[in-house]
Amino acid sequence: MNKFLTLVWAILLSQIVFAQKAPVNRSVVDLSPAACGEIVKHSFYTLAYSEQDEQPYWVYYVLTPDFLAGSQPRKDAFRADPAVRTGSASLADYSGSGYDRGHLCPAGDMVFNARSMSESFYLSNMSPQEPSFNRGIWKKLEALVRQWAKDAELTYVVTGGILANNKGHIGPGRVTVPGYYYKAVYCPGKGMIGFVLPNEGSNRPVSDFIVSVDRIEELTKLDLFAKLPDAREKQLEASVDPASWGFAGHSQLHAKAPAQKAATPKSGSPVQCAAKTKSGSRCKRMAAQGSKYCWQHKK
């Protein structure tokens, strides 16, 4: 009987820990992007799922120092997301593809409790990433965002792949392989900053890939911080001051600057491929790094 009671108590205790809620911060407001695709809300992040791409248009979550003070260990429980009505990507889609199941909402940001860590491994939160990218510069950027969040009261994050610019598809579910990824960060006391990075390994500093949030919205056709007051949103998204984020020696960047230089592509600021398709129309993919052409046409 004692063993039975001990087992019951252990089960109840684990359920209490698993259901633990995030620390309450009265200053948190909902700044999730404008809805598109299928909106799926998990306990600690929200995503807009693209069925045709088998991954999110965007993933949105909020970080606080208390939330990141958790100590939940990582458990690689990759699995399909039962909350996606049309069915999410599967393990078979990634098997043998050569691509990592790259987190969009990082496991390192979801250390608060067992539920947050577990939900971060839904395949609806994954995108096919080159291993050298996922384990290299993308990982560095994720760590940098966590450091900002530990130093700030609130940090809002929106991230995803630029799905119109892709390297093809993998698996029986035809999961789109983005050619670039974006990350937009908003700290109310600091402002906004954005990044666009090619899906490939890089030894360049993260600061080389800074763009305005307006530039990300131009590339993705998404409205990332739609719930901010219009005047405030326009002001914050139009420019970024890298120095205020710890990037010394970088001058303020404005939204239209990358677009004005579209004729000479720059890594981190993709432009539309200059090639023509068989039908005579312009290719809709984005140019590969350092080229005027996408991955297919640069040959």
Protein backbone atom coordinates (compact mmCIF):
# COMPACT_ATOMS: atom_id res chain seq x y z
CA MET A 1 0.00 0.00 0.00
CA ASN A 2 2.83 2.41 0.82
CA LYS A 3 4.35 1.85 -2.62
CA PHE A 4 0.96 2.54 -4.22
CA LEU A 5 0.51 5.82 -2.31
CA THR A 6 4.04 6.85 -3.19
CA LEU A 7 3.34 6.23 -6.88
CA VAL A 8 0.07 8.21 -6.76
CA TRP A 9 1.81 11.12 -5.04
CA ALA A 10 4.61 11.11 -7.64
CA ILE A 11 2.09 11.21 -10.50
CA LEU A 12 0.14 14.08 -8.91
CA LEU A 13 3.33 16.03 -8.26
CA SER A 14 4.52 15.63 -11.85
CA GLN A 15 1.16 16.88 -13.12
CA ILE A 16 1.37 19.95 -10.89
CA VAL A 17 4.86 20.78 -12.16
CA PHE A 18 3.87 20.18 -15.79
CA ALA A 19 0.87 22.50 -15.45
CA GLN A 20 2.86 25.28 -13.78
CA LYS A 21 2.02 28.64 -15.27
CA ALA A 22 4.53 31.23 -16.39
CA PRO A 23 5.28 34.11 -14.01
CA VAL A 24 2.62 36.81 -14.26
CA ASN A 25 3.81 40.07 -15.77
CA ARG A 26 1.05 42.68 -15.82
CA SER A 27 2.88 44.67 -18.51
CA VAL A 28 2.55 41.92 -21.15
CA VAL A 29 0.16 42.78 -23.99
CA ASP A 30 -0.76 40.72 -27.04
CA LEU A 31 1.37 41.96 -29.95
CA SER A 32 1.01 38.87 -32.13
CA PRO A 33 1.20 39.42 -35.92
CA ALA A 34 -1.81 39.80 -38.18
CA ALA A 35 -3.53 36.44 -38.61
CA CYS A 36 -2.83 34.26 -41.65
CA GLY A 37 -2.97 30.52 -42.24
CA GLU A 38 -4.17 28.44 -39.29
CA ILE A 39 -3.58 30.07 -35.91
CA VAL A 40 -2.38 27.54 -33.33
CA LYS A 41 -1.99 28.67 -29.72
CA HIS A 42 0.19 26.63 -27.41
CA SER A 43 0.82 27.42 -23.75
CA PHE A 44 3.83 29.69 -24.30
CA TYR A 45 3.92 30.51 -28.02
CA THR A 46 1.55 31.04 -30.95
CA LEU A 47 2.07 30.22 -34.61
CA ALA A 48 0.37 30.78 -37.96
CA TYR A 49 0.60 27.50 -39.86
CA SER A 50 1.00 27.30 -43.63
CA GLU A 51 -0.42 23.99 -44.79
CA GLN A 52 1.17 24.27 -48.25
CA ASP A 53 4.61 24.79 -46.69
CA GLU A 54 4.11 22.47 -43.65
CA GLN A 55 5.61 25.05 -41.29
CA PRO A 56 4.65 28.43 -39.83
CA TYR A 57 4.42 31.77 -41.58
CA TRP A 58 5.40 33.11 -38.17
CA VAL A 59 5.98 32.04 -34.57
CA TYR A 60 5.34 34.59 -31.82
CA TYR A 61 6.28 34.49 -28.13
CA VAL A 62 7.17 36.74 -25.19
CA LEU A 63 10.21 36.39 -22.95
CA THR A 64 10.82 37.73 -19.45
CA PRO A 65 13.81 37.29 -17.12
CA ASP A 66 11.69 35.16 -14.75
CA PHE A 67 10.60 32.87 -17.57
CA LEU A 68 14.20 32.33 -18.67
CA ALA A 69 15.26 31.60 -15.08
CA GLY A 70 13.75 28.10 -15.41
CA SER A 71 15.96 25.03 -15.43
CA GLN A 72 13.95 22.48 -17.43
CA PRO A 73 16.44 20.23 -19.30
CA ARG A 74 16.14 19.75 -23.04
CA LYS A 75 14.41 16.56 -24.22
CA ASP A 76 14.42 15.93 -27.96
CA ALA A 77 10.77 14.83 -28.18
CA PHE A 78 10.21 15.76 -31.84
CA ARG A 79 6.67 14.84 -32.91
CA ALA A 80 3.71 15.94 -35.05
CA ASP A 81 1.50 18.67 -33.63
CA PRO A 82 -2.01 17.37 -32.82
CA ALA A 83 -3.33 20.93 -32.62
CA VAL A 84 -2.86 21.57 -36.38
CA ARG A 85 -6.23 20.68 -37.91
CA THR A 86 -4.84 19.93 -41.37
CA GLY A 87 -1.97 17.87 -39.94
CA SER A 88 1.54 19.13 -39.35
CA ALA A 89 4.81 17.92 -40.82
CA SER A 90 5.95 14.47 -39.69
CA LEU A 91 9.22 12.83 -38.71
CA ALA A 92 9.22 11.08 -42.08
CA ASP A 93 9.44 14.44 -43.84
CA TYR A 94 12.84 15.18 -42.30
CA SER A 95 14.23 11.64 -42.26
CA GLY A 96 17.25 11.33 -44.56
CA SER A 97 16.77 14.88 -45.91
CA GLY A 98 20.13 16.21 -44.73
CA TYR A 99 18.37 19.14 -43.03
CA ASP A 100 18.03 19.80 -39.30
CA ARG A 101 14.62 20.11 -37.69
CA GLY A 102 15.38 23.72 -36.87
CA HIS A 103 13.47 25.30 -33.99
CA LEU A 104 11.73 28.62 -34.65
CA CYS A 105 10.73 29.12 -31.02
CA PRO A 106 14.00 27.77 -29.52
CA ALA A 107 14.08 25.06 -26.87
CA GLY A 108 16.59 27.29 -25.08
CA ASP A 109 13.87 29.92 -24.67
CA MET A 110 11.39 27.37 -23.26
CA VAL A 111 13.24 26.27 -20.10
CA PHE A 112 10.48 27.42 -17.73
CA ASN A 113 8.84 24.04 -17.13
CA ALA A 114 8.17 20.61 -18.64
CA ARG A 115 5.21 21.83 -20.70
CA SER A 116 7.05 24.72 -22.31
CA MET A 117 9.99 22.48 -23.21
CA SER A 118 7.77 19.69 -24.52
CA GLU A 119 5.63 21.95 -26.71
CA SER A 120 8.72 23.50 -28.31
CA PHE A 121 9.39 20.13 -30.00
CA TYR A 122 6.19 20.03 -32.04
CA LEU A 123 7.10 19.75 -35.72
CA SER A 124 4.81 22.72 -36.38
CA ASN A 125 7.57 24.76 -34.71
CA MET A 126 10.27 23.38 -37.03
CA SER A 127 11.68 24.37 -40.40
CA PRO A 128 14.33 22.60 -42.53
CA GLN A 129 17.65 24.27 -41.79
CA GLU A 130 21.13 23.57 -43.07
CA PRO A 131 23.02 21.96 -40.15
CA SER A 132 25.83 24.53 -40.40
CA PHE A 133 23.24 27.31 -40.17
CA ASN A 134 21.11 25.83 -37.38
CA ARG A 135 24.11 24.96 -35.20
CA GLY A 136 26.07 28.07 -36.13
CA ILE A 137 24.92 31.62 -36.75
CA TRP A 138 21.21 30.87 -36.03
CA LYS A 139 22.17 29.45 -32.64
CA LYS A 140 24.29 32.56 -31.95
CA LEU A 141 21.36 34.83 -32.76
CA GLU A 142 19.05 32.84 -30.48
CA ALA A 143 21.54 33.16 -27.62
CA LEU A 144 21.82 36.91 -28.26
CA VAL A 145 18.04 37.34 -28.06
CA ARG A 146 18.00 35.44 -24.75
CA GLN A 147 20.65 37.76 -23.36
CA TRP A 148 18.61 40.80 -24.39
CA ALA A 149 15.55 39.25 -22.73
CA LYS A 150 17.42 38.63 -19.48
CA ASP A 151 18.40 42.30 -19.39
CA ALA A 152 14.91 43.63 -20.20
CA GLU A 153 11.53 43.44 -18.51
CA LEU A 154 9.80 42.28 -21.68
CA THR A 155 10.96 41.00 -25.06
CA TYR A 156 8.58 40.18 -27.92
CA VAL A 157 9.87 37.88 -30.67
CA VAL A 158 8.49 36.96 -34.11
CA THR A 159 10.41 34.55 -36.32
CA GLY A 160 10.09 32.24 -39.31
CA GLY A 161 11.31 31.35 -42.79
CA ILE A 162 10.86 33.54 -45.86
CA LEU A 163 8.71 31.00 -47.67
CA ALA A 164 8.54 32.69 -51.07
CA ASN A 165 12.31 32.30 -51.32
CA ASN A 166 12.94 28.57 -51.10
CA LYS A 167 15.34 25.79 -51.98
CA GLY A 168 12.67 23.29 -52.90
CA HIS A 169 10.92 20.72 -50.69
CA ILE A 170 11.64 17.63 -48.59
CA GLY A 171 9.74 14.52 -47.54
CA PRO A 172 6.40 13.01 -48.53
CA GLY A 173 4.64 16.07 -47.09
CA ARG A 174 6.72 18.39 -49.31
CA VAL A 175 7.98 20.64 -46.55
CA THR A 176 9.31 23.90 -48.00
CA VAL A 177 13.01 24.62 -47.43
CA PRO A 178 13.36 28.40 -46.93
CA GLY A 179 16.33 30.14 -48.50
CA TYR A 180 16.31 32.78 -45.75
CA TYR A 181 15.07 33.15 -42.17
CA TYR A 182 13.96 36.25 -40.32
CA LYS A 183 13.75 37.27 -36.69
CA ALA A 184 12.11 40.46 -35.38
CA VAL A 185 12.65 41.57 -31.76
CA TYR A 186 10.84 44.30 -29.81
CA CYS A 187 11.86 45.54 -26.35
CA PRO A 188 9.55 48.39 -25.25
CA GLY A 189 12.39 50.26 -23.59
CA LYS A 190 14.83 49.79 -26.46
CA GLY A 191 12.98 49.63 -29.77
CA MET A 192 12.91 47.09 -32.61
CA ILE A 193 15.56 45.22 -34.53
CA GLY A 194 15.31 42.69 -37.35
CA PHE A 195 17.54 40.09 -38.98
CA VAL A 196 17.41 38.28 -42.33
CA LEU A 197 19.89 35.43 -42.70
CA PRO A 198 20.51 33.00 -45.59
CA ASN A 199 19.91 29.34 -44.78
CA GLU A 200 23.59 28.41 -44.90
CA GLY A 201 26.61 28.40 -42.62
CA SER A 202 28.37 31.72 -42.08
CA ASN A 203 31.42 33.00 -40.21
CA ARG A 204 30.24 36.58 -40.49
CA PRO A 205 29.06 38.49 -37.39
CA VAL A 206 25.34 38.52 -36.62
CA SER A 207 25.36 42.30 -37.02
CA ASP A 208 25.98 41.91 -40.77
CA PHE A 209 22.40 40.67 -41.14
CA ILE A 210 20.58 43.51 -39.36
CA VAL A 211 17.58 44.97 -41.19
CA SER A 212 14.57 47.04 -40.17
CA VAL A 213 11.31 45.26 -39.32
CA ASP A 214 9.78 47.09 -42.29
CA ARG A 215 12.29 45.28 -44.52
CA ILE A 216 11.20 41.90 -43.10
CA GLU A 217 7.56 42.77 -43.73
CA GLU A 218 8.43 43.76 -47.30
CA LEU A 219 10.04 40.36 -47.90
CA THR A 220 7.44 38.22 -46.12
CA LYS A 221 4.24 40.22 -46.85
CA LEU A 222 3.37 39.87 -43.14
CA ASP A 223 2.28 42.48 -40.58
CA LEU A 224 4.45 41.51 -37.61
CA PHE A 225 3.43 43.94 -34.87
CA ALA A 226 -0.03 44.83 -36.15
CA LYS A 227 -1.52 45.45 -32.69
CA LEU A 228 0.72 48.36 -31.81
CA PRO A 229 -0.84 51.82 -32.28
CA ASP A 230 -0.34 52.73 -35.94
CA ALA A 231 1.88 55.77 -35.38
CA ARG A 232 4.09 53.90 -32.91
CA GLU A 233 4.31 50.84 -35.16
CA LYS A 234 5.32 52.94 -38.16
CA GLN A 235 8.03 54.74 -36.18
CA LEU A 236 9.53 51.58 -34.63
CA GLU A 237 9.45 49.43 -37.75
CA ALA A 238 10.92 52.03 -40.09
CA SER A 239 14.45 52.10 -38.66
CA VAL A 240 16.77 50.50 -36.17
CA ASP A 241 19.72 51.79 -34.18
CA PRO A 242 22.19 48.86 -33.92
CA ALA A 243 24.29 50.70 -31.34
CA SER A 244 21.40 50.65 -28.86
CA TRP A 245 21.43 46.85 -29.11
CA GLY A 246 25.14 46.59 -28.37
CA PHE A 247 26.45 46.64 -31.95
CA ALA A 248 29.07 49.36 -31.73
CA GLY A 249 30.21 51.02 -34.93
CA HIS A 250 26.95 50.45 -36.84
CA SER A 251 24.94 53.49 -37.88
CA GLN A 252 21.16 53.69 -37.88
CA LEU A 253 19.50 51.65 -40.61
CA HIS A 254 16.33 52.76 -42.35
CA ALA A 255 13.65 50.63 -43.96
CA LYS A 256 14.20 51.72 -47.55
CA ALA A 257 17.99 51.45 -47.59
CA PRO A 258 18.19 47.74 -48.62
CA ALA A 259 15.56 48.22 -51.34
CA GLN A 260 17.54 51.06 -52.93
CA LYS A 261 20.49 48.70 -53.37
CA ALA A 262 18.45 45.84 -54.82
CA ALA A 263 20.44 45.80 -58.08
CA THR A 264 23.53 44.57 -56.21
CA PRO A 265 22.36 41.88 -53.79
CA LYS A 266 23.87 41.87 -50.31
CA SER A 267 23.92 38.83 -48.07
CA GLY A 268 21.13 39.16 -45.53
CA SER A 269 19.08 41.50 -47.76
CA PRO A 270 17.62 39.18 -50.45
CA VAL A 271 16.16 40.45 -53.72
CA GLN A 272 14.02 38.80 -56.37
CA CYS A 273 15.78 36.47 -58.80
CA ALA A 274 16.58 38.16 -62.13
CA ALA A 275 16.02 35.01 -64.23
CA LYS A 276 13.08 34.29 -66.51
CA THR A 277 10.97 31.13 -66.27
CA LYS A 278 10.02 28.99 -69.29
CA SER A 279 6.76 30.93 -69.59
CA GLY A 280 8.71 34.18 -69.89
CA SER A 281 7.70 35.59 -66.49
CA ARG A 282 10.24 36.61 -63.88
CA CYS A 283 11.22 33.96 -61.31
CA LYS A 284 9.46 34.60 -57.99
CA ARG A 285 12.25 33.17 -55.83
CA MET A 286 14.73 35.40 -54.02
CA ALA A 287 18.34 35.68 -55.13
CA ALA A 288 20.95 33.48 -53.43
CA GLN A 289 23.71 35.01 -51.35
CA GLY A 290 26.01 37.24 -53.41
CA SER A 291 24.10 36.61 -56.64
CA LYS A 292 21.36 38.10 -58.81
CA TYR A 293 19.84 34.63 -59.20
CA CYS A 294 18.10 32.07 -56.96
CA TRP A 295 19.61 28.70 -56.05
CA GLN A 296 18.11 27.10 -59.18
CA HIS A 297 19.11 29.74 -61.75
CA LYS A 298 22.51 30.82 -60.45
CA LYS A 299 24.06 27.84 -62.29
